Amino acid sequence: MGGGKAFYEYDFGDSWLHRLELLSQRPADESAPPARLIDGDRRGPVEDSGGTPGYEQLMDVLADPEHPDHAECAALVAEITGSDEPFDPAFLDVAAVNRELSELFQDSGLFLPPR
């Protein structure tokens, strides 16, 4: 079975455009969740970071401990992410994304556990 690409715009104010690519389809496994992440290139941007220009500026500030806004931006990112660890834009926690997807589907009633 084939795949395909889809584009999804998230947050019309910041205009984040995501490319989703279906690489393959497999027969349904009743015990598998309806959606899961296999892999990705990077973590998502920090919420409400101002689109691509704002996110790039935020990353520049976080990368420079001497920047006058570094402490304020680091505290904001820690509050948003729930972690005091330095923000690594390249880190993608696939297991955490899949836990969140599972919770979202369970909460929505779209995921029915196997009988």
Protein backbone atom coordinates (compact mmCIF):
# COMPACT_ATOMS: atom_id res chain seq x y z
CA MET A 1 0.00 0.00 0.00
CA GLY A 2 1.19 3.48 -0.73
CA GLY A 3 1.90 6.51 1.34
CA GLY A 4 1.51 10.20 0.89
CA LYS A 5 2.19 13.64 2.28
CA ALA A 6 -0.13 16.03 4.05
CA PHE A 7 0.42 19.52 5.37
CA TYR A 8 -1.12 20.79 8.58
CA GLU A 9 -1.11 24.39 9.75
CA TYR A 10 -1.08 24.75 13.52
CA ASP A 11 -1.74 28.03 15.30
CA PHE A 12 -2.92 30.36 12.57
CA GLY A 13 -1.45 33.33 14.45
CA ASP A 14 2.09 31.92 14.44
CA SER A 15 1.49 29.89 11.25
CA TRP A 16 3.41 26.70 11.98
CA LEU A 17 3.24 24.48 8.92
CA HIS A 18 3.88 20.77 9.53
CA ARG A 19 4.53 18.16 6.90
CA LEU A 20 3.20 14.71 7.75
CA GLU A 21 4.32 11.80 5.67
CA LEU A 22 2.62 8.41 5.57
CA LEU A 23 5.36 5.97 4.72
CA SER A 24 3.32 2.79 4.73
CA GLN A 25 0.05 1.27 5.79
CA ARG A 26 -0.31 -1.94 7.70
CA PRO A 27 -3.28 -4.10 8.58
CA ALA A 28 -5.04 -2.86 11.69
CA ASP A 29 -3.91 -4.36 14.96
CA GLU A 30 -6.70 -4.08 17.50
CA SER A 31 -4.22 -3.80 20.35
CA ALA A 32 -2.30 -0.92 18.75
CA PRO A 33 -3.22 2.71 19.36
CA PRO A 34 -4.99 4.55 16.51
CA ALA A 35 -2.05 6.95 16.14
CA ARG A 36 1.59 6.80 17.07
CA LEU A 37 4.81 8.55 16.22
CA ILE A 38 7.54 6.38 14.78
CA ASP A 39 10.21 9.05 14.36
CA GLY A 40 10.75 12.74 13.72
CA ASP A 41 13.48 15.29 13.15
CA ARG A 42 13.02 17.68 16.09
CA ARG A 43 10.73 18.52 18.96
CA GLY A 44 7.93 21.00 18.40
CA PRO A 45 8.55 24.69 18.99
CA VAL A 46 7.73 26.28 22.30
CA GLU A 47 4.06 27.28 22.45
CA ASP A 48 3.34 30.93 21.57
CA SER A 49 6.92 31.67 20.56
CA GLY A 50 5.93 33.99 17.73
CA GLY A 51 6.22 31.82 14.64
CA THR A 52 9.51 31.06 12.92
CA PRO A 53 11.13 34.49 13.55
CA GLY A 54 10.16 34.52 17.24
CA TYR A 55 11.28 30.94 17.75
CA GLU A 56 14.65 31.61 16.09
CA GLN A 57 15.12 34.66 18.31
CA LEU A 58 14.21 32.63 21.40
CA MET A 59 16.74 29.94 20.44
CA ASP A 60 19.44 32.61 19.97
CA VAL A 61 18.69 34.06 23.42
CA LEU A 62 18.73 30.63 25.08
CA ALA A 63 22.03 29.75 23.39
CA ASP A 64 23.71 32.88 24.81
CA PRO A 65 23.93 32.88 28.62
CA GLU A 66 25.25 36.47 28.45
CA HIS A 67 22.17 37.75 26.61
CA PRO A 68 20.23 40.23 28.79
CA ASP A 69 16.99 38.27 28.26
CA HIS A 70 18.50 34.81 28.81
CA ALA A 71 17.27 34.24 32.38
CA GLU A 72 13.75 35.49 31.61
CA CYS A 73 13.46 33.36 28.46
CA ALA A 74 14.90 30.28 30.20
CA ALA A 75 12.34 30.69 33.01
CA LEU A 76 9.50 31.06 30.49
CA VAL A 77 10.56 27.93 28.58
CA ALA A 78 10.91 26.00 31.86
CA GLU A 79 7.37 27.02 32.81
CA ILE A 80 5.96 26.02 29.40
CA THR A 81 7.83 22.71 29.15
CA GLY A 82 7.57 21.80 32.84
CA SER A 83 11.31 21.15 32.99
CA ASP A 84 14.29 23.07 34.35
CA GLU A 85 16.57 21.20 31.94
CA PRO A 86 18.12 23.37 29.21
CA PHE A 87 15.85 23.42 26.16
CA ASP A 88 17.24 21.27 23.36
CA PRO A 89 15.35 21.97 20.10
CA ALA A 90 16.83 18.85 18.48
CA PHE A 91 15.60 16.46 21.19
CA LEU A 92 12.43 14.54 20.37
CA ASP A 93 11.02 12.27 23.08
CA VAL A 94 9.10 9.79 20.93
CA ALA A 95 7.88 7.82 23.97
CA ALA A 96 6.47 10.97 25.60
CA VAL A 97 4.70 11.97 22.38
CA ASN A 98 3.16 8.51 22.12
CA ARG A 99 2.01 8.63 25.76
CA GLU A 100 0.31 11.96 25.07
CA LEU A 101 -1.30 10.65 21.86
CA SER A 102 -2.60 7.65 23.76
CA GLU A 103 -4.07 9.88 26.48
CA LEU A 104 -5.67 12.17 23.90
CA PHE A 105 -7.33 9.29 22.09
CA GLN A 106 -8.48 7.66 25.34
CA ASP A 107 -9.92 10.96 26.61
CA SER A 108 -11.72 11.54 23.30
CA GLY A 109 -13.36 8.13 23.29
CA LEU A 110 -11.83 7.39 19.88
CA PHE A 111 -9.60 4.68 21.28
CA LEU A 112 -11.35 1.52 22.24
CA PRO A 113 -9.18 -1.01 24.07
CA PRO A 114 -9.17 -4.54 22.64
CA ARG A 115 -11.80 -6.95 23.91
